[in-house]
N, C-alpha and C. Protein backbone atom coordinates (compact mmCIF):
# COMPACT_ATOMS: atom_id res chain seq x y z
N UNK A 1 -13.55 2.93 -4.15
CA UNK A 1 -13.24 4.03 -3.25
C UNK A 1 -12.88 5.25 -4.07
N UNK A 2 -13.51 6.35 -3.74
CA UNK A 2 -13.23 7.54 -4.53
C UNK A 2 -12.01 8.28 -3.98
N UNK A 3 -11.47 9.13 -4.83
CA UNK A 3 -10.22 9.82 -4.49
C UNK A 3 -10.37 10.72 -3.28
N UNK A 4 -11.50 11.38 -3.16
CA UNK A 4 -11.72 12.28 -2.02
C UNK A 4 -11.66 11.50 -0.70
N UNK A 5 -12.30 10.33 -0.67
CA UNK A 5 -12.26 9.49 0.53
C UNK A 5 -10.82 9.07 0.86
N UNK A 6 -10.09 8.65 -0.16
CA UNK A 6 -8.71 8.20 0.06
C UNK A 6 -7.82 9.34 0.57
N UNK A 7 -7.97 10.52 -0.02
CA UNK A 7 -7.16 11.66 0.42
C UNK A 7 -7.48 12.00 1.88
N UNK A 8 -8.75 11.93 2.26
CA UNK A 8 -9.15 12.20 3.64
C UNK A 8 -8.62 11.11 4.58
N UNK A 9 -8.71 9.86 4.15
CA UNK A 9 -8.24 8.74 4.97
C UNK A 9 -6.74 8.85 5.25
N UNK A 10 -5.97 9.22 4.24
CA UNK A 10 -4.52 9.30 4.38
C UNK A 10 -4.05 10.62 4.97
N UNK A 11 -4.93 11.59 5.16
CA UNK A 11 -4.54 12.92 5.66
C UNK A 11 -3.72 12.87 6.95
N UNK A 12 -4.08 12.05 7.97
CA UNK A 12 -3.25 12.01 9.18
C UNK A 12 -1.83 11.48 8.92
N UNK A 13 -1.66 10.71 7.85
CA UNK A 13 -0.34 10.19 7.47
C UNK A 13 0.46 11.24 6.73
N UNK A 14 -0.18 11.89 5.78
CA UNK A 14 0.49 12.90 4.96
C UNK A 14 -0.23 13.04 3.63
N UNK A 15 0.19 14.04 2.85
CA UNK A 15 -0.43 14.28 1.55
C UNK A 15 0.07 13.24 0.57
N UNK A 16 -0.86 12.52 -0.04
CA UNK A 16 -0.51 11.46 -0.98
C UNK A 16 -0.91 11.86 -2.39
N UNK A 17 -0.32 11.16 -3.35
CA UNK A 17 -0.66 11.32 -4.77
C UNK A 17 -1.35 10.04 -5.22
N UNK A 18 -2.43 10.18 -5.97
CA UNK A 18 -3.17 9.03 -6.48
C UNK A 18 -3.00 8.96 -7.98
N UNK A 19 -2.67 7.74 -8.46
CA UNK A 19 -2.49 7.54 -9.91
C UNK A 19 -3.08 6.19 -10.31
N UNK A 20 -3.54 6.12 -11.54
CA UNK A 20 -4.03 4.85 -12.06
C UNK A 20 -2.88 3.86 -12.12
N UNK A 21 -3.18 2.62 -11.72
CA UNK A 21 -2.14 1.60 -11.69
C UNK A 21 -2.79 0.23 -11.71
N UNK A 22 -2.37 -0.64 -12.62
CA UNK A 22 -2.87 -2.02 -12.70
C UNK A 22 -4.39 -2.12 -12.66
N UNK A 23 -5.07 -1.21 -13.30
CA UNK A 23 -6.53 -1.24 -13.31
C UNK A 23 -7.15 -0.75 -12.01
N UNK A 24 -6.33 -0.23 -11.12
CA UNK A 24 -6.81 0.29 -9.85
C UNK A 24 -6.20 1.66 -9.61
N UNK A 25 -5.99 1.99 -8.36
CA UNK A 25 -5.41 3.28 -7.98
C UNK A 25 -4.18 3.05 -7.13
N UNK A 26 -3.06 3.58 -7.56
CA UNK A 26 -1.84 3.52 -6.77
C UNK A 26 -1.78 4.74 -5.87
N UNK A 27 -1.29 4.55 -4.64
CA UNK A 27 -1.19 5.63 -3.67
C UNK A 27 0.30 5.82 -3.38
N UNK A 28 0.77 7.05 -3.59
CA UNK A 28 2.19 7.37 -3.54
C UNK A 28 2.47 8.46 -2.51
N UNK A 29 3.62 8.35 -1.90
CA UNK A 29 4.11 9.38 -0.98
C UNK A 29 5.61 9.50 -1.23
N UNK A 30 6.07 10.73 -1.43
CA UNK A 30 7.48 10.99 -1.72
C UNK A 30 8.00 10.15 -2.88
N UNK A 31 7.13 9.92 -3.86
CA UNK A 31 7.52 9.20 -5.07
C UNK A 31 7.41 7.70 -4.99
N UNK A 32 7.09 7.15 -3.80
CA UNK A 32 7.02 5.70 -3.63
C UNK A 32 5.59 5.22 -3.51
N UNK A 33 5.30 4.13 -4.19
CA UNK A 33 3.99 3.48 -4.08
C UNK A 33 4.00 2.61 -2.83
N UNK A 34 3.09 2.90 -1.91
CA UNK A 34 3.05 2.13 -0.67
C UNK A 34 1.65 1.60 -0.35
N UNK A 35 0.69 1.93 -1.20
CA UNK A 35 -0.68 1.46 -1.01
C UNK A 35 -1.38 1.47 -2.36
N UNK A 36 -2.50 0.75 -2.43
CA UNK A 36 -3.24 0.69 -3.69
C UNK A 36 -4.67 0.25 -3.42
N UNK A 37 -5.53 0.61 -4.33
CA UNK A 37 -6.89 0.07 -4.33
C UNK A 37 -6.97 -0.83 -5.55
N UNK A 38 -7.14 -2.11 -5.30
CA UNK A 38 -7.23 -3.12 -6.36
C UNK A 38 -8.54 -3.87 -6.19
N UNK A 39 -9.29 -3.99 -7.26
CA UNK A 39 -10.58 -4.69 -7.21
C UNK A 39 -11.47 -4.09 -6.13
N UNK A 40 -11.37 -2.77 -5.92
CA UNK A 40 -12.21 -2.09 -4.94
C UNK A 40 -11.79 -2.27 -3.50
N UNK A 41 -10.63 -2.88 -3.28
CA UNK A 41 -10.15 -3.16 -1.92
C UNK A 41 -8.88 -2.36 -1.65
N UNK A 42 -8.85 -1.65 -0.52
CA UNK A 42 -7.67 -0.89 -0.13
C UNK A 42 -6.62 -1.84 0.43
N UNK A 43 -5.38 -1.68 -0.05
CA UNK A 43 -4.29 -2.55 0.37
C UNK A 43 -3.06 -1.71 0.69
N UNK A 44 -2.27 -2.21 1.64
CA UNK A 44 -1.01 -1.56 2.01
C UNK A 44 0.16 -2.49 1.68
N UNK A 45 1.27 -1.89 1.30
CA UNK A 45 2.48 -2.67 1.00
C UNK A 45 2.98 -3.31 2.30
N UNK A 46 3.41 -4.55 2.21
CA UNK A 46 3.87 -5.29 3.38
C UNK A 46 5.11 -6.11 3.02
N UNK A 47 5.84 -6.51 4.04
CA UNK A 47 6.96 -7.43 3.88
C UNK A 47 7.03 -8.30 5.13
N UNK A 48 8.10 -9.06 5.24
CA UNK A 48 8.21 -10.00 6.36
C UNK A 48 8.12 -9.30 7.72
N UNK A 49 8.38 -8.01 7.78
CA UNK A 49 8.30 -7.30 9.06
C UNK A 49 6.86 -6.96 9.44
N UNK A 50 5.93 -7.01 8.49
CA UNK A 50 4.54 -6.63 8.78
C UNK A 50 3.51 -7.70 8.42
N UNK A 51 3.92 -8.78 7.74
CA UNK A 51 2.96 -9.82 7.36
C UNK A 51 2.13 -10.29 8.56
N UNK A 52 2.78 -10.51 9.70
CA UNK A 52 2.08 -11.06 10.87
C UNK A 52 0.94 -10.17 11.35
N UNK A 53 1.12 -8.85 11.25
CA UNK A 53 0.06 -7.92 11.67
C UNK A 53 -1.19 -8.11 10.81
N UNK A 54 -0.98 -8.26 9.51
CA UNK A 54 -2.11 -8.48 8.61
C UNK A 54 -2.75 -9.84 8.87
N UNK A 55 -1.92 -10.85 9.03
CA UNK A 55 -2.43 -12.20 9.29
C UNK A 55 -3.23 -12.25 10.58
N UNK A 56 -2.77 -11.53 11.61
CA UNK A 56 -3.48 -11.50 12.89
C UNK A 56 -4.87 -10.89 12.76
N UNK A 57 -5.05 -10.05 11.75
CA UNK A 57 -6.34 -9.41 11.49
C UNK A 57 -7.17 -10.23 10.49
N UNK A 58 -6.63 -11.37 10.04
CA UNK A 58 -7.35 -12.22 9.09
C UNK A 58 -7.30 -11.72 7.66
N UNK A 59 -6.33 -10.87 7.36
CA UNK A 59 -6.21 -10.29 6.03
C UNK A 59 -5.32 -11.16 5.14
N UNK A 60 -5.45 -10.94 3.84
CA UNK A 60 -4.70 -11.73 2.86
C UNK A 60 -4.03 -10.81 1.84
N UNK A 61 -2.98 -11.31 1.19
CA UNK A 61 -2.32 -10.51 0.15
C UNK A 61 -3.16 -10.48 -1.13
N UNK A 62 -2.89 -9.46 -1.94
CA UNK A 62 -3.54 -9.35 -3.23
C UNK A 62 -2.94 -10.42 -4.14
N UNK A 63 -3.79 -11.16 -4.79
CA UNK A 63 -3.36 -12.20 -5.72
C UNK A 63 -4.09 -11.99 -7.04
N UNK A 64 -3.38 -12.12 -8.12
CA UNK A 64 -4.04 -12.03 -9.42
C UNK A 64 -3.58 -13.21 -10.27
N UNK A 65 -4.34 -13.49 -11.31
CA UNK A 65 -4.02 -14.60 -12.20
C UNK A 65 -3.33 -14.06 -13.45
N UNK A 66 -2.17 -14.61 -13.73
CA UNK A 66 -1.42 -14.22 -14.92
C UNK A 66 -2.08 -14.79 -16.18
N UNK A 67 -1.64 -14.31 -17.32
CA UNK A 67 -2.17 -14.80 -18.58
C UNK A 67 -1.97 -16.30 -18.76
N UNK A 68 -0.89 -16.84 -18.16
CA UNK A 68 -0.64 -18.28 -18.29
C UNK A 68 -1.43 -19.12 -17.28
N UNK A 69 -2.28 -18.44 -16.49
CA UNK A 69 -3.14 -19.15 -15.54
C UNK A 69 -2.56 -19.34 -14.16
N UNK A 70 -1.31 -18.95 -13.95
CA UNK A 70 -0.71 -19.10 -12.62
C UNK A 70 -1.07 -17.91 -11.74
N UNK A 71 -1.14 -18.19 -10.45
CA UNK A 71 -1.45 -17.13 -9.49
C UNK A 71 -0.18 -16.38 -9.11
N UNK A 72 -0.28 -15.08 -9.02
CA UNK A 72 0.83 -14.23 -8.61
C UNK A 72 0.43 -13.54 -7.31
N UNK A 73 1.18 -13.79 -6.25
CA UNK A 73 0.91 -13.16 -4.96
C UNK A 73 1.76 -11.91 -4.85
N UNK A 74 1.12 -10.81 -4.51
CA UNK A 74 1.81 -9.52 -4.39
C UNK A 74 1.93 -9.13 -2.92
N UNK A 75 2.85 -8.24 -2.62
CA UNK A 75 3.06 -7.79 -1.24
C UNK A 75 2.17 -6.59 -0.89
N UNK A 76 0.94 -6.63 -1.32
CA UNK A 76 -0.05 -5.63 -0.94
C UNK A 76 -1.17 -6.38 -0.23
N UNK A 77 -1.38 -6.06 1.05
CA UNK A 77 -2.34 -6.78 1.87
C UNK A 77 -3.56 -5.93 2.16
N UNK A 78 -4.69 -6.58 2.24
CA UNK A 78 -5.96 -5.92 2.52
C UNK A 78 -5.91 -5.20 3.86
N UNK A 79 -6.44 -3.99 3.90
CA UNK A 79 -6.52 -3.21 5.12
C UNK A 79 -7.72 -3.69 5.93
N UNK A 80 -7.54 -3.96 7.22
CA UNK A 80 -8.69 -4.34 8.05
C UNK A 80 -9.75 -3.23 8.03
N UNK A 81 -11.00 -3.60 7.85
CA UNK A 81 -12.09 -2.62 7.77
C UNK A 81 -12.13 -1.70 8.98
N UNK A 82 -11.80 -2.21 10.15
CA UNK A 82 -11.88 -1.40 11.37
C UNK A 82 -10.99 -0.16 11.30
N UNK A 83 -9.89 -0.25 10.52
CA UNK A 83 -8.98 0.89 10.42
C UNK A 83 -9.58 2.06 9.66
N UNK A 84 -10.58 1.80 8.84
CA UNK A 84 -11.21 2.87 8.07
C UNK A 84 -11.95 3.84 8.99
N UNK A 85 -12.25 3.39 10.21
CA UNK A 85 -12.92 4.24 11.20
C UNK A 85 -11.99 4.67 12.33
N UNK A 86 -10.71 4.36 12.19
CA UNK A 86 -9.72 4.70 13.22
C UNK A 86 -8.53 5.41 12.56
N UNK A 87 -8.70 6.71 12.22
CA UNK A 87 -7.69 7.42 11.42
C UNK A 87 -6.29 7.44 12.02
N UNK A 88 -6.17 7.55 13.32
CA UNK A 88 -4.83 7.60 13.91
C UNK A 88 -4.13 6.25 13.81
N UNK A 89 -4.86 5.17 14.07
CA UNK A 89 -4.25 3.84 13.93
C UNK A 89 -3.97 3.53 12.46
N UNK A 90 -4.90 3.95 11.57
CA UNK A 90 -4.66 3.76 10.14
C UNK A 90 -3.36 4.45 9.73
N UNK A 91 -3.13 5.65 10.25
CA UNK A 91 -1.91 6.40 9.91
C UNK A 91 -0.66 5.61 10.32
N UNK A 92 -0.71 4.91 11.45
CA UNK A 92 0.43 4.09 11.88
C UNK A 92 0.67 2.94 10.91
N UNK A 93 -0.42 2.30 10.47
CA UNK A 93 -0.29 1.21 9.49
C UNK A 93 0.26 1.76 8.17
N UNK A 94 -0.22 2.93 7.76
CA UNK A 94 0.27 3.56 6.52
C UNK A 94 1.75 3.89 6.64
N UNK A 95 2.17 4.37 7.81
CA UNK A 95 3.58 4.67 8.03
C UNK A 95 4.44 3.42 7.91
N UNK A 96 3.98 2.31 8.46
CA UNK A 96 4.74 1.05 8.35
C UNK A 96 4.79 0.59 6.89
N UNK A 97 3.69 0.78 6.15
CA UNK A 97 3.68 0.41 4.73
C UNK A 97 4.66 1.28 3.95
N UNK A 98 4.73 2.57 4.28
CA UNK A 98 5.69 3.44 3.62
C UNK A 98 7.12 3.00 3.95
N UNK A 99 7.36 2.59 5.20
CA UNK A 99 8.69 2.09 5.58
C UNK A 99 9.06 0.86 4.74
N UNK A 100 8.09 0.00 4.47
CA UNK A 100 8.32 -1.17 3.61
C UNK A 100 8.75 -0.70 2.22
N UNK A 101 8.05 0.30 1.69
CA UNK A 101 8.37 0.83 0.37
C UNK A 101 9.77 1.45 0.34
N UNK A 102 10.14 2.14 1.42
CA UNK A 102 11.49 2.75 1.50
C UNK A 102 12.55 1.65 1.49
N UNK A 103 12.34 0.59 2.26
CA UNK A 103 13.32 -0.51 2.28
C UNK A 103 13.44 -1.16 0.90
N UNK A 104 12.31 -1.36 0.22
CA UNK A 104 12.33 -1.97 -1.11
C UNK A 104 13.06 -1.06 -2.10
N UNK A 105 12.86 0.23 -1.97
CA UNK A 105 13.51 1.19 -2.87
C UNK A 105 15.01 1.22 -2.63
N UNK A 106 15.43 1.08 -1.38
CA UNK A 106 16.84 1.18 -1.02
C UNK A 106 17.70 0.07 -1.61
N UNK A 107 17.11 -1.06 -1.93
CA UNK A 107 17.90 -2.17 -2.50
C UNK A 107 18.04 -2.07 -4.02
N UNK A 108 17.35 -1.12 -4.61
CA UNK A 108 17.46 -0.92 -6.06
C UNK A 108 18.76 -0.20 -6.39
N UNK A 109 19.24 -0.36 -7.63
CA UNK A 109 20.41 0.43 -8.05
C UNK A 109 20.08 1.92 -7.93
N UNK A 110 21.07 2.75 -7.59
CA UNK A 110 20.81 4.18 -7.37
C UNK A 110 19.99 4.87 -8.45
N UNK A 111 20.23 4.57 -9.71
CA UNK A 111 19.50 5.24 -10.79
C UNK A 111 18.03 4.83 -10.87
N UNK A 112 17.67 3.71 -10.24
CA UNK A 112 16.29 3.23 -10.28
C UNK A 112 15.49 3.62 -9.04
N UNK A 113 16.12 4.22 -8.07
CA UNK A 113 15.44 4.61 -6.82
C UNK A 113 14.48 5.75 -7.09
N UNK A 114 13.37 5.75 -6.36
CA UNK A 114 12.33 6.74 -6.60
C UNK A 114 12.04 7.63 -5.41
N UNK A 115 12.60 7.33 -4.23
CA UNK A 115 12.32 8.12 -3.04
C UNK A 115 12.74 9.55 -3.25
N UNK A 116 11.80 10.46 -3.00
CA UNK A 116 12.07 11.89 -3.16
C UNK A 116 12.25 12.52 -1.78
N UNK A 117 13.18 13.45 -1.71
CA UNK A 117 13.40 14.22 -0.48
C UNK A 117 12.25 15.20 -0.30
N UNK A 118 12.02 15.56 0.93
CA UNK A 118 10.97 16.57 1.17
C UNK A 118 11.59 17.92 1.43
């Protein structure tokens, strides 16, 4: 996915920043990473409050293999393809993913928090 497409896709949600991350592209808003493109697949950050929505769509979390051969499951879930053609609904999913990132940031020690004020 190219950067222009991603910026257009996220436009109804807000202006995002794209950066290289883990061999893919990290998508940031207000300093927090809440989405990524890994292995050519767009993924949104999820937690126990949103896992069921992804599962209901038949989506799975991003998993990679560590150097020691063990699988590592990450809290970034594949975006349902249908959302790529539904910008307003995609924006709602992106907002929930950002909320997940805000909650994760809030439990960090104050000096490690990354959420930026607007």
